[in-house]
């Protein structure tokens, strides 16, 4: 097949970009022709990067954000790529804001089937985090986007109103109805799609794939806990730092960057001086090396996690996870067997889980090996691609 993989960013930034990069390689290995599409500069744009639209400003005005719901420049760019490469199918990933709904229209105008993998809750949450006042939130998840204004989720009424308007406009355009097949990486995502009004027959559950061989089968450990994620309020890293304060001697490394970095660094110095290191944004190879030195992964999210890639990578590296029981996380962390689930936003239960894993190297190792075995069974790349090809064939026949 000839396949366009579209994601707003193509360089290494998070779970969605990692998933797209891995999928590109696996499909190419199977003999398919794969053409990436995103904003420039695109690390994997190949010979088509000249067609890519520029990214939009990260902090645009409210009117600018509304215009990005349907971004004509992105649609025109995708149309030119379709004309140049003559694909059989377009597979969308994270398209909100920088690409927008015009890419759906462009693909359908080219009479191509469209498959869309949802990596987050952007389609359902105007605040895009599934988080409100430090707790998971599903108030808007049946197209009740006005509640974003009611609860002032963006911190100002103007910003919250603009976010709600964006969500209503995207839904009113009806472009999501033109998607041939949705891919849900978790049962939780499938539920959200059904609540949104997507017919169950148009949704396929396809768990992510992961190359286990990139990760150490037996971690060295000794470097304490590792947290991987964007340094933003919905990730709950402030809760983690408060919990770490209650576990004397426990050490933490934090991989990632974001708007809260400076505040979190100050907080770490106050609550756990000398016990927290901020590593910044890491490449995929650097993440694998950090996982090999960790004792356990911590995912303290207070927002709705659809399919956190860090959980998969930790399991591949034979690490147990201490994770908030939010969104799709409980589908990937079996409490007491491959990790420990804790209530989101609760300091003391998180501290107790950290203390439990800090004190038992043998228990950690056993849980980590169970996690790796589970990852081998569920997230094998061949299995993932087989399922994906069935979705492609179903979409092409629709």
Protein backbone atom coordinates (compact mmCIF):
# COMPACT_ATOMS: atom_id res chain seq x y z
CA UNK A 1 0.00 0.00 0.00
CA UNK A 2 0.92 3.65 -0.38
CA UNK A 3 0.19 5.39 2.94
CA UNK A 4 0.39 8.98 4.17
CA UNK A 5 1.12 9.23 7.90
CA UNK A 6 0.06 12.68 9.13
CA UNK A 7 1.03 14.19 12.48
CA UNK A 8 1.36 17.85 13.35
CA UNK A 9 4.98 17.30 14.43
CA UNK A 10 7.42 14.75 13.05
CA UNK A 11 10.45 15.38 15.26
CA UNK A 12 10.77 13.62 18.63
CA UNK A 13 8.45 15.37 21.10
CA UNK A 14 6.23 12.84 22.83
CA UNK A 15 4.29 9.62 22.61
CA UNK A 16 2.47 10.52 19.40
CA UNK A 17 5.66 11.35 17.49
CA UNK A 18 7.33 8.19 18.80
CA UNK A 19 4.35 6.09 17.68
CA UNK A 20 4.37 7.64 14.20
CA UNK A 21 8.12 7.17 13.79
CA UNK A 22 7.96 3.51 14.85
CA UNK A 23 4.96 2.83 12.59
CA UNK A 24 6.74 4.41 9.62
CA UNK A 25 9.65 2.00 10.08
CA UNK A 26 7.49 -1.09 10.54
CA UNK A 27 5.33 -0.37 7.50
CA UNK A 28 8.39 0.29 5.36
CA UNK A 29 9.92 -3.00 6.50
CA UNK A 30 6.78 -4.76 5.25
CA UNK A 31 7.24 -3.26 1.82
CA UNK A 32 4.69 -0.44 2.02
CA UNK A 33 5.45 3.03 0.68
CA UNK A 34 5.09 5.54 3.53
CA UNK A 35 4.94 9.32 3.11
CA UNK A 36 5.05 11.46 6.28
CA UNK A 37 3.13 14.73 6.47
CA UNK A 38 3.35 17.41 9.15
CA UNK A 39 4.59 20.92 9.85
CA UNK A 40 8.13 21.94 9.09
CA UNK A 41 10.85 21.49 9.91
CA UNK A 42 9.99 17.79 9.86
CA UNK A 43 12.73 15.42 10.96
CA UNK A 44 11.29 12.60 8.88
CA UNK A 45 9.77 14.60 6.06
CA UNK A 46 12.03 13.14 3.41
CA UNK A 47 11.67 14.55 -0.07
CA UNK A 48 8.22 16.02 0.64
CA UNK A 49 9.17 18.47 3.38
CA UNK A 50 8.97 21.32 0.85
CA UNK A 51 5.19 20.87 0.89
CA UNK A 52 4.75 21.08 4.65
CA UNK A 53 2.98 24.12 6.18
CA UNK A 54 4.70 26.14 8.87
CA UNK A 55 3.60 25.50 12.47
CA UNK A 56 1.32 28.07 14.04
CA UNK A 57 2.43 30.21 16.99
CA UNK A 58 2.10 28.27 20.24
CA UNK A 59 0.26 31.17 21.86
CA UNK A 60 -1.94 32.65 19.20
CA UNK A 61 -4.82 35.04 19.75
CA UNK A 62 -8.25 33.54 20.33
CA UNK A 63 -9.41 34.40 16.79
CA UNK A 64 -6.26 32.78 15.43
CA UNK A 65 -6.95 29.60 17.33
CA UNK A 66 -10.48 29.49 15.96
CA UNK A 67 -9.16 29.84 12.40
CA UNK A 68 -6.86 26.87 13.08
CA UNK A 69 -9.84 24.53 13.57
CA UNK A 70 -10.00 24.45 9.76
CA UNK A 71 -6.60 25.51 8.47
CA UNK A 72 -6.79 25.90 4.68
CA UNK A 73 -2.99 26.03 4.24
CA UNK A 74 -2.62 22.57 5.77
CA UNK A 75 -5.40 21.17 3.61
CA UNK A 76 -3.82 22.60 0.45
CA UNK A 77 -0.43 21.17 1.44
CA UNK A 78 -1.89 17.71 1.96
CA UNK A 79 -3.71 17.94 -1.37
CA UNK A 80 -0.39 18.66 -3.09
CA UNK A 81 1.20 15.67 -1.36
CA UNK A 82 -1.69 13.46 -2.43
CA UNK A 83 -1.30 14.66 -6.01
CA UNK A 84 2.45 14.01 -5.89
CA UNK A 85 2.43 10.60 -4.22
CA UNK A 86 -0.96 9.09 -5.18
CA UNK A 87 -1.52 7.23 -1.88
CA UNK A 88 -4.12 4.56 -1.18
CA UNK A 89 -4.96 5.83 2.32
CA UNK A 90 -4.33 8.67 4.77
CA UNK A 91 -3.61 7.76 8.39
CA UNK A 92 -4.02 10.74 10.73
CA UNK A 93 -2.57 11.00 14.21
CA UNK A 94 -2.36 14.25 16.21
CA UNK A 95 -3.77 16.94 13.90
CA UNK A 96 -5.38 19.49 16.21
CA UNK A 97 -4.39 23.15 15.87
CA UNK A 98 -1.30 23.01 13.62
CA UNK A 99 -2.99 20.95 10.89
CA UNK A 100 -6.70 21.10 11.76
CA UNK A 101 -9.76 19.57 10.18
CA UNK A 102 -8.92 20.73 6.66
CA UNK A 103 -6.63 17.70 6.25
CA UNK A 104 -9.66 15.42 6.68
CA UNK A 105 -11.50 17.37 3.99
CA UNK A 106 -8.47 17.26 1.70
CA UNK A 107 -8.14 13.49 2.00
CA UNK A 108 -11.83 12.94 1.36
CA UNK A 109 -11.75 15.34 -1.58
CA UNK A 110 -9.05 13.07 -2.98
CA UNK A 111 -11.48 10.15 -2.52
CA UNK A 112 -9.17 8.47 -0.06
CA UNK A 113 -10.14 6.48 3.03
CA UNK A 114 -9.13 8.22 6.26
CA UNK A 115 -7.99 6.41 9.41
CA UNK A 116 -7.48 8.48 12.57
CA UNK A 117 -5.62 7.26 15.66
CA UNK A 118 -6.47 9.26 18.79
CA UNK A 119 -3.49 9.76 21.09
CA UNK A 120 -5.17 12.22 23.49
CA UNK A 121 -8.51 13.75 24.50
CA UNK A 122 -8.35 16.80 22.20
CA UNK A 123 -11.51 15.76 20.37
CA UNK A 124 -13.51 15.61 23.60
CA UNK A 125 -11.99 18.23 25.94
CA UNK A 126 -11.70 21.96 25.10
CA UNK A 127 -8.96 22.21 27.73
CA UNK A 128 -7.16 19.35 25.87
CA UNK A 129 -5.91 17.84 29.15
CA UNK A 130 -8.94 16.13 30.68
CA UNK A 131 -8.01 17.91 33.89
CA UNK A 132 -9.79 20.48 36.07
CA UNK A 133 -8.45 21.91 39.34
CA UNK A 134 -5.94 19.10 39.73
CA UNK A 135 -8.40 16.27 39.12
CA UNK A 136 -9.47 14.22 36.08
CA UNK A 137 -12.53 15.71 34.39
CA UNK A 138 -15.09 14.37 31.92
CA UNK A 139 -17.63 17.20 32.20
CA UNK A 140 -17.47 18.02 28.46
CA UNK A 141 -17.33 14.53 27.07
CA UNK A 142 -20.79 14.38 25.52
CA UNK A 143 -20.28 17.60 23.55
CA UNK A 144 -21.09 19.79 26.56
CA UNK A 145 -18.17 22.07 25.77
CA UNK A 146 -19.78 25.14 27.38
CA UNK A 147 -18.74 23.67 30.73
CA UNK A 148 -15.19 24.73 29.90
CA UNK A 149 -16.45 28.29 30.33
CA UNK A 150 -18.53 27.47 33.40
CA UNK A 151 -15.48 26.07 35.20
CA UNK A 152 -13.03 28.54 33.61
CA UNK A 153 -10.74 25.67 32.64
CA UNK A 154 -8.24 27.82 30.74
CA UNK A 155 -7.71 30.28 33.58
CA UNK A 156 -9.50 33.20 31.91
CA UNK A 157 -13.05 33.44 30.68
CA UNK A 158 -11.91 34.69 27.27
CA UNK A 159 -9.53 31.77 26.77
CA UNK A 160 -12.07 29.28 28.08
CA UNK A 161 -14.78 30.66 25.79
CA UNK A 162 -12.44 30.46 22.80
CA UNK A 163 -11.55 26.86 23.65
CA UNK A 164 -15.23 25.91 23.91
CA UNK A 165 -15.93 27.67 20.61
CA UNK A 166 -13.09 25.73 18.95
CA UNK A 167 -14.57 22.44 20.12
CA UNK A 168 -18.10 23.35 19.04
CA UNK A 169 -16.86 24.57 15.65
CA UNK A 170 -14.91 21.37 14.98
CA UNK A 171 -17.96 19.31 15.87
CA UNK A 172 -20.31 21.52 13.83
CA UNK A 173 -18.11 21.19 10.74
CA UNK A 174 -18.84 17.48 10.91
CA UNK A 175 -15.41 16.53 9.59
CA UNK A 176 -15.03 13.84 12.22
CA UNK A 177 -18.02 12.14 10.59
CA UNK A 178 -16.00 11.86 7.37
CA UNK A 179 -13.31 9.75 9.03
CA UNK A 180 -13.62 6.24 7.64
CA UNK A 181 -12.25 4.43 10.68
CA UNK A 182 -11.05 5.59 14.10
CA UNK A 183 -8.34 3.70 15.94
CA UNK A 184 -8.64 3.63 19.72
CA UNK A 185 -5.41 2.61 21.49
CA UNK A 186 -7.35 1.75 24.65
CA UNK A 187 -10.87 0.70 25.64
CA UNK A 188 -11.16 4.04 27.42
CA UNK A 189 -10.61 5.86 24.11
CA UNK A 190 -13.21 3.67 22.42
CA UNK A 191 -15.71 4.63 25.14
CA UNK A 192 -15.02 8.34 24.61
CA UNK A 193 -15.59 7.98 20.88
CA UNK A 194 -18.89 6.23 21.41
CA UNK A 195 -19.97 8.96 23.87
CA UNK A 196 -19.03 11.48 21.18
CA UNK A 197 -21.46 9.83 18.78
CA UNK A 198 -19.14 7.71 16.66
CA UNK A 199 -20.78 4.45 15.60
CA UNK A 200 -19.05 1.40 17.18
CA UNK A 201 -18.55 -0.15 13.73
CA UNK A 202 -16.26 2.75 12.82
CA UNK A 203 -13.97 2.26 15.84
CA UNK A 204 -11.19 -0.34 16.00
CA UNK A 205 -9.29 -1.13 19.19
CA UNK A 206 -5.61 -1.41 18.27
CA UNK A 207 -3.13 -1.25 21.13
CA UNK A 208 0.23 0.38 20.35
CA UNK A 209 3.28 -1.53 19.23
CA UNK A 210 6.74 -1.27 20.73
CA UNK A 211 10.16 -2.61 19.80
CA UNK A 212 11.14 -4.44 22.98
CA UNK A 213 14.63 -5.20 21.72
CA UNK A 214 15.61 -1.55 22.12
CA UNK A 215 15.28 -1.87 25.88
CA UNK A 216 17.34 -3.76 28.44
CA UNK A 217 15.68 -6.99 29.51
CA UNK A 218 17.18 -6.64 33.00
CA UNK A 219 17.51 -3.04 34.22
CA UNK A 220 20.59 -2.08 36.20
CA UNK A 221 18.60 0.06 38.59
CA UNK A 222 20.10 2.02 41.44
CA UNK A 223 19.22 5.50 40.18
CA UNK A 224 15.84 5.77 41.86
CA UNK A 225 12.51 6.66 40.30
CA UNK A 226 12.07 8.04 36.78
CA UNK A 227 9.23 10.27 35.58
CA UNK A 228 8.80 10.95 31.85
CA UNK A 229 6.41 13.60 30.59
CA UNK A 230 5.65 17.18 29.75
CA UNK A 231 6.18 19.53 32.67
CA UNK A 232 2.62 20.81 32.75
CA UNK A 233 -0.12 20.86 35.43
CA UNK A 234 -2.06 17.85 34.09
CA UNK A 235 0.98 15.60 34.59
CA UNK A 236 0.79 15.93 38.39
CA UNK A 237 4.53 16.32 38.95
CA UNK A 238 3.86 18.75 41.82
CA UNK A 239 1.93 15.94 43.53
CA UNK A 240 4.90 13.62 42.96
CA UNK A 241 7.31 16.09 44.56
CA UNK A 242 5.09 16.41 47.62
CA UNK A 243 4.93 12.63 47.87
CA UNK A 244 8.71 12.31 47.49
CA UNK A 245 9.13 14.57 50.51
CA UNK A 246 7.44 11.87 52.61
CA UNK A 247 9.83 9.12 51.45
CA UNK A 248 13.25 9.87 52.97
CA UNK A 249 16.16 8.88 50.77
CA UNK A 250 14.10 8.27 47.63
CA UNK A 251 15.57 9.86 44.51
CA UNK A 252 13.84 11.03 41.35
CA UNK A 253 14.86 11.94 37.80
CA UNK A 254 12.42 13.84 35.61
CA UNK A 255 12.71 13.65 31.80
CA UNK A 256 10.83 16.26 29.85
CA UNK A 257 10.28 19.98 29.49
CA UNK A 258 7.37 22.35 29.60
CA UNK A 259 5.86 25.52 31.06
CA UNK A 260 6.15 24.40 34.69
CA UNK A 261 9.84 23.53 34.63
CA UNK A 262 11.16 26.54 36.54
CA UNK A 263 8.43 26.36 39.20
CA UNK A 264 8.95 22.62 39.64
CA UNK A 265 12.71 23.03 39.98
CA UNK A 266 12.17 25.53 42.81
CA UNK A 267 9.62 23.22 44.40
CA UNK A 268 11.99 20.25 44.22
CA UNK A 269 14.74 22.24 45.89
CA UNK A 270 12.41 23.17 48.73
CA UNK A 271 10.77 19.78 49.29
CA UNK A 272 13.52 17.28 48.44
CA UNK A 273 16.84 19.13 48.16
CA UNK A 274 19.52 17.17 46.33
CA UNK A 275 17.21 14.27 45.53
CA UNK A 276 15.65 15.42 42.22
CA UNK A 277 17.34 15.83 38.83
CA UNK A 278 15.71 17.47 35.81
CA UNK A 279 17.02 15.88 32.61
CA UNK A 280 15.21 17.99 30.01
CA UNK A 281 13.80 16.60 26.78
CA UNK A 282 15.46 13.33 25.78
CA UNK A 283 15.76 11.40 22.53
CA UNK A 284 14.31 7.89 22.26
CA UNK A 285 17.76 6.35 22.78
CA UNK A 286 18.38 8.54 25.83
CA UNK A 287 15.03 7.49 27.29
CA UNK A 288 15.99 3.84 26.87
CA UNK A 289 19.28 4.45 28.69
CA UNK A 290 17.57 6.28 31.56
CA UNK A 291 15.03 3.47 31.92
CA UNK A 292 17.86 0.95 32.11
CA UNK A 293 19.22 2.76 35.18
CA UNK A 294 15.91 3.33 36.97
CA UNK A 295 14.23 1.35 39.72
CA UNK A 296 10.67 2.15 38.64
CA UNK A 297 8.65 4.54 36.49
CA UNK A 298 6.26 7.06 38.06
CA UNK A 299 3.29 8.46 36.13
CA UNK A 300 1.46 10.79 38.55
CA UNK A 301 -0.99 12.28 36.02
CA UNK A 302 -4.06 14.14 37.20
CA UNK A 303 -5.42 14.53 33.65
CA UNK A 304 -6.97 11.86 31.44
CA UNK A 305 -4.22 9.72 29.91
CA UNK A 306 -5.44 7.96 26.78
CA UNK A 307 -2.38 5.87 25.95
CA UNK A 308 0.76 7.00 27.81
CA UNK A 309 3.74 5.70 25.86
CA UNK A 310 6.00 5.93 28.92
CA UNK A 311 4.11 3.02 30.49
CA UNK A 312 4.87 0.82 27.47
CA UNK A 313 8.53 1.81 27.43
CA UNK A 314 8.89 1.11 31.14
CA UNK A 315 7.32 -2.32 30.71
CA UNK A 316 9.65 -3.05 27.79
CA UNK A 317 12.56 -2.14 30.07
CA UNK A 318 11.28 -4.54 32.76
CA UNK A 319 10.34 -1.74 35.13
CA UNK A 320 7.25 -1.63 37.33
CA UNK A 321 5.16 1.53 37.21
CA UNK A 322 3.60 3.59 39.96
CA UNK A 323 0.77 5.28 38.10
CA UNK A 324 -2.42 7.24 38.61
CA UNK A 325 -5.56 5.23 37.90
CA UNK A 326 -6.81 7.58 35.16
CA UNK A 327 -8.12 7.06 31.64
CA UNK A 328 -6.55 4.08 29.91
CA UNK A 329 -3.75 3.56 32.46
CA UNK A 330 -5.48 0.75 34.42
CA UNK A 331 -5.64 -1.24 31.17
CA UNK A 332 -1.84 -1.27 31.00
CA UNK A 333 -0.80 -1.44 34.66
CA UNK A 334 -2.07 -4.43 36.61
CA UNK A 335 -2.16 -3.33 40.24
CA UNK A 336 0.10 -5.50 42.38
CA UNK A 337 1.44 -7.51 39.43
CA UNK A 338 3.11 -5.13 36.97
CA UNK A 339 2.94 -1.98 39.06
CA UNK A 340 0.95 -0.01 41.61
CA UNK A 341 -2.12 2.10 40.83
CA UNK A 342 -2.87 5.13 43.01
CA UNK A 343 -5.71 7.67 43.12
CA UNK A 344 -4.87 10.74 41.00
CA UNK A 345 -3.87 13.85 42.91
CA UNK A 346 -3.50 12.10 46.27
CA UNK A 347 -0.13 12.68 47.95
CA UNK A 348 -0.18 10.10 50.74
CA UNK A 349 -1.20 7.04 48.62
CA UNK A 350 1.47 7.98 46.09
CA UNK A 351 4.06 8.31 48.86
CA UNK A 352 3.07 4.91 50.24
CA UNK A 353 3.50 3.32 46.80
CA UNK A 354 6.93 4.92 46.39
CA UNK A 355 7.99 3.70 49.82
CA UNK A 356 6.73 0.22 49.02
CA UNK A 357 8.85 -0.03 45.87
CA UNK A 358 11.85 1.72 47.41
CA UNK A 359 12.18 -0.96 50.04
CA UNK A 360 11.91 -4.15 47.99
CA UNK A 361 14.39 -4.76 45.17
CA UNK A 362 13.24 -8.36 44.73
CA UNK A 363 9.60 -7.34 44.54
CA UNK A 364 10.45 -4.61 42.00
CA UNK A 365 12.36 -7.06 39.86
CA UNK A 366 9.52 -9.59 39.88
CA UNK A 367 6.94 -6.95 38.93
CA UNK A 368 9.24 -5.61 36.22
CA UNK A 369 9.66 -9.02 34.62
CA UNK A 370 5.90 -9.52 34.68
CA UNK A 371 5.52 -6.14 32.98
CA UNK A 372 8.02 -7.06 30.26
CA UNK A 373 6.28 -10.36 29.59
CA UNK A 374 2.94 -8.57 29.31
CA UNK A 375 4.48 -6.05 26.91
CA UNK A 376 5.92 -8.87 24.79
CA UNK A 377 2.50 -10.47 24.51
CA UNK A 378 0.40 -7.33 23.93
CA UNK A 379 2.60 -4.77 22.19
CA UNK A 380 4.56 -6.87 19.70
CA UNK A 381 5.13 -4.83 16.49
CA UNK A 382 4.06 -7.69 14.20
CA UNK A 383 0.79 -8.10 16.08
CA UNK A 384 0.21 -4.34 16.00
CA UNK A 385 0.84 -4.13 12.25
CA UNK A 386 -1.36 -7.13 11.51
CA UNK A 387 -4.27 -5.47 13.30
CA UNK A 388 -3.55 -2.17 11.60
CA UNK A 389 -3.53 -3.71 8.15
CA UNK A 390 -6.96 -5.22 8.83
CA UNK A 391 -8.21 -1.74 9.72
CA UNK A 392 -6.67 -0.35 6.53
CA UNK A 393 -8.34 -3.05 4.44
CA UNK A 394 -11.67 -2.44 6.18
CA UNK A 395 -11.39 1.32 5.57
CA UNK A 396 -10.49 0.81 1.90
CA UNK A 397 -13.52 -1.43 1.43
CA UNK A 398 -15.95 0.92 3.20
